[in-house]
Protein backbone atom coordinates (compact mmCIF):
# COMPACT_ATOMS: atom_id res chain seq x y z
CA MET A 1 -72.33 20.57 22.42
CA ASP A 2 -70.46 18.93 19.56
CA HIS A 3 -67.21 17.50 20.94
CA SER A 4 -65.29 17.10 17.67
CA PHE A 5 -63.22 19.98 16.23
CA ASP A 6 -60.48 20.87 13.78
CA LEU A 7 -58.62 22.75 16.50
CA ILE A 8 -58.68 22.88 20.29
CA VAL A 9 -56.90 25.81 21.93
CA LEU A 10 -55.81 25.55 25.55
CA GLY A 11 -55.93 29.09 26.94
CA ALA A 12 -57.83 32.22 25.93
CA GLY A 13 -55.11 34.80 26.43
CA PRO A 14 -53.76 37.11 23.69
CA GLY A 15 -52.13 34.12 22.01
CA GLY A 16 -54.99 31.65 22.34
CA TYR A 17 -57.97 33.81 21.48
CA VAL A 18 -56.24 35.48 18.52
CA ALA A 19 -55.22 32.06 17.20
CA ALA A 20 -58.78 30.80 17.60
CA ILE A 21 -60.25 33.73 15.68
CA ARG A 22 -57.70 33.37 12.89
CA ALA A 23 -58.44 29.64 12.73
CA SER A 24 -62.15 30.33 12.41
CA GLN A 25 -61.46 32.81 9.60
CA LEU A 26 -59.61 30.01 7.80
CA GLY A 27 -62.57 27.68 8.13
CA LEU A 28 -61.33 25.57 11.04
CA LYS A 29 -63.98 24.46 13.53
CA THR A 30 -62.46 25.66 16.79
CA ALA A 31 -62.92 25.30 20.54
CA VAL A 32 -61.15 27.26 23.27
CA ILE A 33 -60.71 25.90 26.78
CA GLU A 34 -60.10 28.55 29.46
CA LYS A 35 -60.02 27.86 33.19
CA LYS A 36 -60.15 31.46 34.46
CA HIS A 37 -60.86 34.61 32.48
CA VAL A 38 -61.19 35.14 28.75
CA GLY A 39 -58.39 37.44 27.68
CA GLY A 40 -55.85 35.79 29.95
CA VAL A 41 -53.37 37.49 32.27
CA CYS A 42 -52.65 40.34 29.86
CA LEU A 43 -56.20 41.56 29.64
CA ASN A 44 -57.37 40.77 33.18
CA ILE A 45 -54.39 41.15 35.52
CA GLY A 46 -51.59 42.42 33.31
CA CYS A 47 -51.16 44.70 30.32
CA ILE A 48 -54.58 46.31 30.21
CA PRO A 49 -55.38 47.20 33.84
CA SER A 50 -51.78 48.28 34.44
CA LYS A 51 -51.92 50.65 31.47
CA ASN A 52 -55.14 52.13 32.85
CA LEU A 53 -53.37 52.77 36.16
CA ILE A 54 -50.43 54.32 34.30
CA ARG A 55 -52.83 56.63 32.48
CA SER A 56 -54.43 57.65 35.77
CA ALA A 57 -50.98 58.31 37.24
CA SER A 58 -50.07 60.42 34.21
CA LEU A 59 -53.25 62.47 34.54
CA LEU A 60 -52.46 63.18 38.17
CA THR A 61 -48.90 64.18 37.32
CA GLU A 62 -50.08 66.46 34.52
CA ALA A 63 -52.75 67.99 36.77
CA LYS A 64 -50.05 69.09 39.20
CA GLN A 65 -48.39 70.96 36.34
CA LEU A 66 -51.40 73.28 36.31
CA GLU A 67 -49.87 74.99 39.33
CA ALA A 68 -47.71 76.90 36.83
CA PHE A 69 -50.96 78.60 35.76
CA GLY A 70 -52.03 79.42 39.28
CA VAL A 71 -54.31 76.41 39.65
CA GLN A 72 -53.91 74.67 43.02
CA VAL A 73 -54.16 70.88 42.83
CA ASP A 74 -54.91 69.02 46.06
CA ALA A 75 -54.05 65.35 45.73
CA SER A 76 -54.54 64.63 49.43
CA ARG A 77 -58.10 63.47 48.77
CA LEU A 78 -57.10 60.93 46.13
CA ASP A 79 -59.44 57.95 46.26
CA TYR A 80 -57.27 55.10 45.02
CA ALA A 81 -60.14 52.65 45.42
CA ALA A 82 -61.94 54.61 42.68
CA VAL A 83 -58.80 54.59 40.52
CA HIS A 84 -58.51 50.84 40.98
CA ALA A 85 -62.21 50.28 40.26
CA GLN A 86 -61.76 52.05 36.93
CA SER A 87 -58.91 49.70 35.99
CA ARG A 88 -61.08 46.68 36.81
CA LYS A 89 -63.97 48.08 34.78
CA VAL A 90 -61.69 48.46 31.75
CA ALA A 91 -60.45 44.88 32.12
CA GLU A 92 -63.97 43.50 32.47
CA THR A 93 -65.21 45.47 29.47
CA LEU A 94 -62.46 44.12 27.24
CA SER A 95 -62.86 40.58 28.56
CA LYS A 96 -66.52 40.70 27.58
CA GLY A 97 -65.41 42.05 24.22
CA VAL A 98 -63.18 39.03 23.63
CA SER A 99 -66.02 36.69 24.61
CA PHE A 100 -68.18 38.46 22.04
CA LEU A 101 -65.49 38.03 19.37
CA LEU A 102 -65.27 34.30 20.08
CA SER A 103 -69.02 33.97 19.80
CA LYS A 104 -69.13 36.12 16.67
CA ASN A 105 -66.60 33.80 15.03
CA ASN A 106 -68.57 30.67 16.01
CA ILE A 107 -65.87 29.49 18.40
CA THR A 108 -66.93 27.15 21.19
CA LEU A 109 -65.78 28.42 24.60
CA VAL A 110 -65.40 25.81 27.32
CA GLU A 111 -64.90 27.38 30.76
CA ALA A 112 -62.90 24.67 32.51
CA GLU A 113 -59.41 23.29 32.95
CA GLY A 114 -58.08 21.17 30.13
CA GLU A 115 -55.69 18.21 30.23
CA LEU A 116 -54.08 16.58 27.21
CA VAL A 117 -54.93 12.89 26.91
CA ASP A 118 -53.25 12.22 23.57
CA ALA A 119 -52.36 14.15 20.41
CA HIS A 120 -56.02 14.61 19.51
CA THR A 121 -57.91 14.49 22.81
CA VAL A 122 -58.45 16.90 25.69
CA LYS A 123 -60.31 16.06 28.89
CA THR A 124 -61.87 18.97 30.82
CA SER A 125 -62.47 19.46 34.53
CA ALA A 126 -66.17 19.65 33.65
CA GLY A 127 -66.05 15.97 32.70
CA GLU A 128 -66.19 16.46 28.93
CA THR A 129 -63.86 14.93 26.36
CA LEU A 130 -63.06 16.93 23.22
CA THR A 131 -61.22 15.71 20.13
CA ALA A 132 -59.53 17.62 17.31
CA LYS A 133 -57.16 17.21 14.41
CA ASN A 134 -54.85 19.82 15.96
CA ILE A 135 -54.23 21.14 19.47
CA LEU A 136 -52.66 24.49 20.34
CA ILE A 137 -51.15 25.04 23.79
CA ALA A 138 -51.39 28.68 24.88
CA THR A 139 -51.57 28.43 28.66
CA GLY A 140 -49.38 31.46 29.37
CA SER A 141 -47.28 32.09 32.47
CA SER A 142 -47.41 33.00 36.15
CA PRO A 143 -45.25 35.21 38.40
CA ARG A 144 -41.98 33.44 39.16
CA VAL A 145 -41.44 32.57 42.80
CA ILE A 146 -37.93 33.01 44.23
CA PRO A 147 -36.94 31.31 47.50
CA GLY A 148 -37.20 33.86 50.30
CA LEU A 149 -39.57 36.03 48.28
CA GLU A 150 -42.61 33.75 48.44
CA PHE A 151 -45.87 35.63 47.93
CA ASP A 152 -48.34 35.84 50.80
CA GLY A 153 -50.76 38.30 49.20
CA GLU A 154 -50.47 40.62 52.20
CA LYS A 155 -46.90 41.78 52.79
CA VAL A 156 -45.08 40.22 49.84
CA LEU A 157 -46.99 40.71 46.61
CA SER A 158 -46.86 39.42 43.06
CA SER A 159 -47.79 41.55 40.06
CA ASP A 160 -51.20 39.85 40.18
CA ASP A 161 -51.64 40.83 43.82
CA ILE A 162 -50.75 44.49 43.34
CA LEU A 163 -53.18 44.82 40.43
CA MET A 164 -56.02 43.42 42.53
CA THR A 165 -55.27 45.65 45.56
CA ASN A 166 -57.48 48.73 45.93
CA GLN A 167 -55.46 50.37 48.69
CA LEU A 168 -52.10 52.08 48.46
CA PRO A 169 -49.27 51.26 50.85
CA GLY A 170 -47.36 54.10 52.42
CA SER A 171 -44.10 52.57 51.24
CA ILE A 172 -42.99 49.68 49.06
CA CYS A 173 -39.80 47.94 47.97
CA ILE A 174 -39.97 46.66 44.40
CA ILE A 175 -37.55 43.81 43.76
CA GLY A 176 -36.88 43.57 40.03
CA GLY A 177 -36.14 46.48 37.71
CA GLY A 178 -37.54 45.00 34.52
CA ALA A 179 -40.54 46.34 32.61
CA ILE A 180 -43.11 45.38 35.26
CA GLY A 181 -41.02 46.72 38.13
CA CYS A 182 -40.39 50.03 36.38
CA GLU A 183 -44.04 50.50 35.46
CA PHE A 184 -45.23 49.91 39.01
CA ALA A 185 -42.47 52.12 40.40
CA TYR A 186 -43.76 54.98 38.26
CA VAL A 187 -47.43 54.37 39.09
CA LEU A 188 -47.00 54.02 42.82
CA ARG A 189 -44.63 56.97 43.13
CA SER A 190 -47.06 59.13 41.15
CA PHE A 191 -49.75 58.30 43.71
CA GLY A 192 -47.49 59.35 46.58
CA VAL A 193 -46.04 56.00 47.68
CA ALA A 194 -42.42 55.97 48.88
CA VAL A 195 -40.73 53.60 46.40
CA THR A 196 -37.46 51.69 46.64
CA LEU A 197 -36.49 49.87 43.44
CA VAL A 198 -33.85 47.11 43.51
CA GLU A 199 -32.25 45.52 40.44
CA MET A 200 -29.45 42.91 40.40
CA THR A 201 -27.95 43.90 37.04
CA PRO A 202 -25.90 47.06 36.30
CA HIS A 203 -28.92 48.95 34.94
CA LEU A 204 -32.70 48.97 34.90
CA LEU A 205 -34.40 47.10 32.04
CA PRO A 206 -31.57 44.55 31.72
CA TYR A 207 -32.30 43.77 28.06
CA GLU A 208 -32.56 47.40 26.98
CA ASP A 209 -29.83 49.71 25.69
CA GLU A 210 -27.67 50.83 28.63
CA GLU A 211 -27.74 54.55 27.82
CA ILE A 212 -31.53 54.48 27.56
CA ALA A 213 -31.80 52.57 30.84
CA LYS A 214 -29.48 55.02 32.61
CA ALA A 215 -31.63 57.89 31.39
CA LEU A 216 -34.69 56.18 32.88
CA ALA A 217 -32.92 55.68 36.22
CA THR A 218 -32.02 59.38 36.26
CA SER A 219 -35.62 60.33 35.57
CA PHE A 220 -36.85 57.99 38.31
CA LYS A 221 -34.47 59.49 40.85
CA LYS A 222 -35.77 62.98 40.00
CA LYS A 223 -39.25 61.67 40.77
CA GLY A 224 -38.09 60.58 44.22
CA ILE A 225 -37.70 56.86 43.53
CA SER A 226 -34.76 55.29 45.39
CA VAL A 227 -32.95 53.17 42.78
CA HIS A 228 -30.45 50.47 43.79
CA LEU A 229 -28.52 48.82 40.94
CA GLU A 230 -26.17 45.82 41.03
CA SER A 231 -27.87 44.97 44.30
CA LYS A 232 -29.61 41.97 45.76
CA ALA A 233 -32.50 42.10 48.22
CA VAL A 234 -33.34 39.71 51.03
CA ILE A 235 -36.39 39.87 53.27
CA THR A 236 -35.23 39.56 56.88
CA ALA A 237 -38.57 40.19 58.62
CA ARG A 238 -42.25 40.38 57.68
CA GLU A 239 -43.74 41.69 60.95
CA PRO A 240 -44.87 44.24 61.89
CA GLN A 241 -43.56 45.76 58.65
CA VAL A 242 -41.32 44.18 56.03
CA THR A 243 -37.59 44.63 56.48
CA VAL A 244 -35.50 44.25 53.35
CA GLU A 245 -31.72 44.05 53.42
CA ILE A 246 -30.18 45.49 50.25
CA GLU A 247 -26.58 44.60 49.44
CA ASN A 248 -24.71 46.29 46.60
CA ALA A 249 -21.85 44.96 44.46
CA LYS A 250 -19.28 46.26 46.98
CA GLY A 251 -20.86 44.30 49.80
CA VAL A 252 -22.33 47.37 51.47
CA LYS A 253 -25.63 46.51 53.15
CA LYS A 254 -28.60 48.74 53.86
CA ALA A 255 -31.86 47.82 55.58
CA VAL A 256 -35.14 49.42 54.55
CA THR A 257 -38.47 48.98 56.31
CA VAL A 258 -41.59 49.17 54.15
CA ASP A 259 -45.28 48.37 54.27
CA LYS A 260 -45.15 46.04 51.25
CA VAL A 261 -42.73 44.25 48.97
CA LEU A 262 -43.51 43.72 45.30
CA ALA A 263 -41.42 40.88 43.85
CA VAL A 264 -41.35 40.98 40.04
CA VAL A 265 -38.39 38.81 39.09
CA GLY A 266 -39.75 37.19 35.96
CA ARG A 267 -42.48 34.79 34.96
CA ALA A 268 -42.65 31.00 34.72
CA PRO A 269 -44.42 29.08 31.92
CA ASN A 270 -47.67 27.31 32.80
CA THR A 271 -46.69 23.88 31.48
CA ALA A 272 -47.17 21.70 34.56
CA GLY A 273 -50.39 19.75 35.04
CA ILE A 274 -51.66 20.00 31.47
CA GLY A 275 -50.76 16.44 30.42
CA LEU A 276 -47.62 17.00 28.37
CA GLU A 277 -46.20 13.74 29.69
CA ASN A 278 -49.12 11.87 28.13
CA LEU A 279 -47.90 12.99 24.71
CA GLY A 280 -44.22 12.44 25.38
CA ILE A 281 -43.50 16.17 25.22
CA ALA A 282 -40.51 17.08 27.38
CA THR A 283 -39.88 20.63 28.58
CA GLU A 284 -36.59 22.51 28.86
CA ARG A 285 -36.43 24.79 31.90
CA GLY A 286 -40.21 24.57 31.91
CA PHE A 287 -40.59 25.68 28.28
CA ILE A 288 -41.92 23.58 25.40
CA PRO A 289 -39.50 23.24 22.46
CA VAL A 290 -41.12 23.91 19.06
CA ASN A 291 -40.00 24.10 15.43
CA GLU A 292 -40.22 27.10 13.11
CA HIS A 293 -43.95 26.46 12.67
CA PHE A 294 -44.53 26.28 16.45
CA GLU A 295 -45.18 22.55 16.28
CA THR A 296 -44.01 20.45 19.21
CA ALA A 297 -42.28 17.06 19.10
CA CYS A 298 -45.77 15.56 18.95
CA PRO A 299 -47.14 16.05 15.39
CA GLY A 300 -50.34 18.09 15.28
CA VAL A 301 -49.74 19.64 18.70
CA TYR A 302 -48.52 23.25 18.66
CA ALA A 303 -47.46 25.69 21.37
CA ILE A 304 -47.14 29.48 21.43
CA GLY A 305 -46.61 32.42 23.73
CA ASP A 306 -45.13 32.26 27.20
CA VAL A 307 -44.93 28.44 27.23
CA ILE A 308 -42.23 28.41 24.53
CA PRO A 309 -38.73 29.97 24.65
CA SER A 310 -39.56 33.22 22.87
CA PRO A 311 -40.05 36.76 24.24
CA MET A 312 -42.80 36.68 26.87
CA LEU A 313 -44.85 39.46 25.29
CA ALA A 314 -48.54 39.55 24.45
CA HIS A 315 -47.94 40.79 20.90
CA VAL A 316 -45.45 37.97 20.30
CA ALA A 317 -48.00 35.39 21.46
CA SER A 318 -50.67 36.82 19.15
CA HIS A 319 -48.33 36.76 16.16
CA GLU A 320 -47.20 33.22 16.92
CA GLY A 321 -50.82 32.11 17.25
CA GLU A 322 -51.67 33.39 13.80
CA MET A 323 -48.56 31.80 12.27
CA ALA A 324 -49.30 28.45 13.92
CA VAL A 325 -52.89 28.15 12.72
CA GLU A 326 -51.96 29.33 9.24
CA HIS A 327 -49.45 26.49 9.09
CA MET A 328 -52.20 24.09 10.18
CA ALA A 329 -54.33 25.45 7.34
CA GLY A 330 -51.56 24.90 4.80
CA ILE A 331 -50.54 28.53 4.35
CA ALA A 332 -46.80 28.81 3.68
CA HIS A 333 -44.74 31.72 4.94
CA GLU A 334 -41.50 33.05 3.56
CA ALA A 335 -38.70 32.95 6.13
CA LYS A 336 -38.11 36.54 7.19
CA LYS A 337 -36.50 38.31 10.12
CA THR A 338 -39.07 40.29 12.05
CA TYR A 339 -38.00 42.71 14.76
CA VAL A 340 -40.11 42.61 17.91
CA PRO A 341 -40.53 45.89 19.82
CA ASN A 342 -40.09 45.78 23.60
CA CYS A 343 -42.19 48.46 25.28
CA VAL A 344 -42.22 49.86 28.81
CA TYR A 345 -45.11 52.21 29.57
CA CYS A 346 -43.83 54.21 32.53
CA GLU A 347 -43.01 57.90 32.17
CA PRO A 348 -40.82 58.48 30.29
CA GLN A 349 -41.77 55.59 28.03
CA VAL A 350 -39.10 53.22 26.74
CA ALA A 351 -39.21 51.11 23.58
CA GLY A 352 -36.63 49.28 21.54
CA PHE A 353 -35.59 46.31 19.41
CA GLY A 354 -32.50 44.75 17.93
CA ILE A 355 -28.90 45.30 18.97
CA THR A 356 -27.81 47.76 21.66
CA SER A 357 -24.86 50.15 21.76
CA ALA A 358 -22.84 47.53 23.61
CA GLN A 359 -23.24 45.20 20.62
CA ALA A 360 -22.67 47.82 17.93
CA GLU A 361 -18.95 47.30 17.32
CA THR A 362 -19.28 43.53 17.08
CA ALA A 363 -22.18 43.92 14.64
CA GLY A 364 -20.31 46.45 12.52
CA ALA A 365 -22.81 49.17 13.33
CA LYS A 366 -22.61 52.87 14.08
CA VAL A 367 -24.77 54.64 16.65
CA TYR A 368 -26.90 57.67 15.78
CA SER A 369 -29.03 59.64 18.25
CA PHE A 370 -31.23 62.71 18.39
CA PRO A 371 -32.69 64.38 21.51
CA PHE A 372 -36.36 65.21 22.00
CA ARG A 373 -35.36 68.65 23.33
CA ALA A 374 -34.57 69.66 19.72
CA ILE A 375 -38.06 68.75 18.47
CA GLY A 376 -40.67 71.50 18.40
CA LYS A 377 -43.64 69.30 19.32
CA ALA A 378 -41.81 67.82 22.32
CA VAL A 379 -40.97 71.27 23.67
CA ALA A 380 -44.47 72.58 22.94
CA ILE A 381 -46.18 69.88 24.98
CA GLY A 382 -43.60 69.91 27.77
CA LYS A 383 -42.24 66.44 26.94
CA SER A 384 -38.68 67.24 25.88
CA GLU A 385 -37.06 64.51 27.99
CA GLY A 386 -35.53 61.64 26.04
CA MET A 387 -33.96 60.65 22.74
CA VAL A 388 -34.15 58.44 19.67
CA LYS A 389 -31.20 56.12 19.08
CA ILE A 390 -30.66 54.06 15.93
CA LEU A 391 -27.92 51.54 15.17
CA ALA A 392 -27.14 50.89 11.51
CA ASP A 393 -24.44 49.34 9.34
CA GLY A 394 -22.46 51.16 6.67
CA SER A 395 -25.26 50.81 4.10
CA GLY A 396 -27.88 52.38 6.36
CA LYS A 397 -29.52 49.07 7.25
CA ILE A 398 -31.16 49.38 10.66
CA LEU A 399 -29.98 46.74 13.14
CA GLY A 400 -31.55 48.17 16.26
CA ALA A 401 -33.41 51.19 17.60
CA HIS A 402 -34.19 52.48 21.08
CA ILE A 403 -36.36 55.37 22.23
CA ILE A 404 -36.95 56.96 25.61
CA GLY A 405 -39.48 59.76 25.84
CA ALA A 406 -43.04 60.73 25.08
CA GLU A 407 -44.99 58.16 23.04
CA ALA A 408 -41.91 55.97 22.59
CA THR A 409 -44.13 52.88 22.53
CA GLU A 410 -46.01 54.27 19.53
CA LEU A 411 -43.02 55.77 17.70
CA ILE A 412 -40.95 52.57 17.73
CA HIS A 413 -43.10 50.86 15.11
CA GLU A 414 -41.96 53.04 12.21
CA LEU A 415 -38.42 51.86 12.83
CA ALA A 416 -39.34 48.23 13.56
CA ILE A 417 -41.28 47.95 10.30
CA ALA A 418 -38.46 49.66 8.42
CA ALA A 419 -35.86 47.30 9.85
CA SER A 420 -37.99 44.23 9.15
CA ASN A 421 -38.51 45.24 5.54
CA GLY A 422 -35.09 46.54 4.56
CA VAL A 423 -36.00 50.25 4.61
CA ARG A 424 -32.76 52.10 5.32
CA MET A 425 -32.00 55.20 7.35
CA GLN A 426 -31.58 57.36 4.25
CA ASP A 427 -35.03 56.25 3.04
CA ILE A 428 -36.66 57.43 6.27
CA ALA A 429 -34.62 60.64 6.19
CA GLY A 430 -35.99 61.34 2.72
CA ALA A 431 -39.61 60.77 3.74
CA ILE A 432 -41.77 63.76 4.70
CA HIS A 433 -42.78 63.69 8.37
CA ALA A 434 -45.59 66.01 9.45
CA HIS A 435 -44.65 69.06 11.51
CA PRO A 436 -44.93 69.44 14.40
CA THR A 437 -44.82 65.79 15.47
CA LEU A 438 -42.69 63.69 17.76
CA SER A 439 -41.88 61.41 14.82
CA GLU A 440 -39.66 64.18 13.46
CA ALA A 441 -37.09 62.95 15.99
CA ILE A 442 -36.90 59.71 14.00
CA LYS A 443 -36.42 61.58 10.74
CA GLU A 444 -33.72 63.80 12.22
CA CYS A 445 -31.92 60.82 13.71
CA CYS A 446 -31.95 59.14 10.30
CA CYS A 447 -30.60 62.32 8.73
CA GLY A 448 -27.53 61.75 10.86
CA PHE A 449 -26.55 58.85 8.62
CA GLU A 450 -25.77 61.33 5.83
CA ASN A 451 -24.53 64.07 8.15
CA ARG A 452 -27.44 66.36 7.33
CA VAL A 453 -29.19 66.85 10.67
CA ILE A 454 -31.02 70.20 10.62
CA HIS A 455 -32.22 71.02 14.14
CA LEU A 456 -29.15 70.24 16.20
């Protein structure tokens, strides 16, 4: 193997492998060093297998709706091991697909751990030394460990643990009401698990619009999920079952006994043990500071994704990877504000970007909303729960948008692209949207800017 490259990428997750492919397209001789699985956490024990489980949960939920047609659905014989096996098959298939893409683009894959020696040299655990003009750090993140909630893989689980478990618990307490906690709450409840969900902040999805988050909590409660907000959870016993003491903002305590605890209280950047100190790169709260081109304090060394202080999202890492290698290749980019969609894939789905209702007055924005129950397609397919909410200034410029309901994670992109490119509410209102579609809710919401809503 040739050991000299234009670019060495540490990590083959959605940031690293996308960056490597883009670099190859630009003519850079590239190597990727990956210590575990090609595709990273997202593909192997994150985004992809969890979405397969969500799909399986949705199918089961929809199957039960057939009872309205006289069809009896017996879920007592559910084989979760088979459901889990399907999620692993999907992850493995896509991981192999990424390996194929790396090979197709003539990228050298080194399956080992990598440690930075200097600004142009990486030493691997396989005993090889690689050199390159540029280095890109894309080592991702790991589940954050909180004192008292240490993972043991048996009773107290991380998101990694729950995705690799092929048996369902009878009951579970999920500590953390962010995107991961909400998705697992939906999946596990759909498969019959008794779910208690605890969140420290006043509403689920702490960074989402409050009204949208409250609507999700209401939906969860209807599904039988016990939701505790403004509450903290402490494990007081792990044997024979796990006892969790939940204390709310008023100091009222309640003990719940469950088979498992799932602690999903954030993720920590994987920046330790990769040799940053050898390059004089200091971290801040574990994150690597970078400039607008994703270059670190060490010239020629870049960092993207979960290791830098930006949204810890796979699509953000991929975008940053492309921007970083294009800068290496001398491609200039015009400074431009790009809105990043946040997506939660439970049912109902939640997606949003930009300012929330709580920030509207300060930002000089007005709030517009339109319910799914007034959209023909939503009613026709039995998915009338939810709404579209848009926040815009007096000229119609979109400053934020939030959706809860069917296909929210797909619908959000029309608004994100519009906001990023200066397309205003009245422009969307004037565009023809096919009927019947869920996207008509976006059009109708935009019509509200000119007080010409039709179906409400």
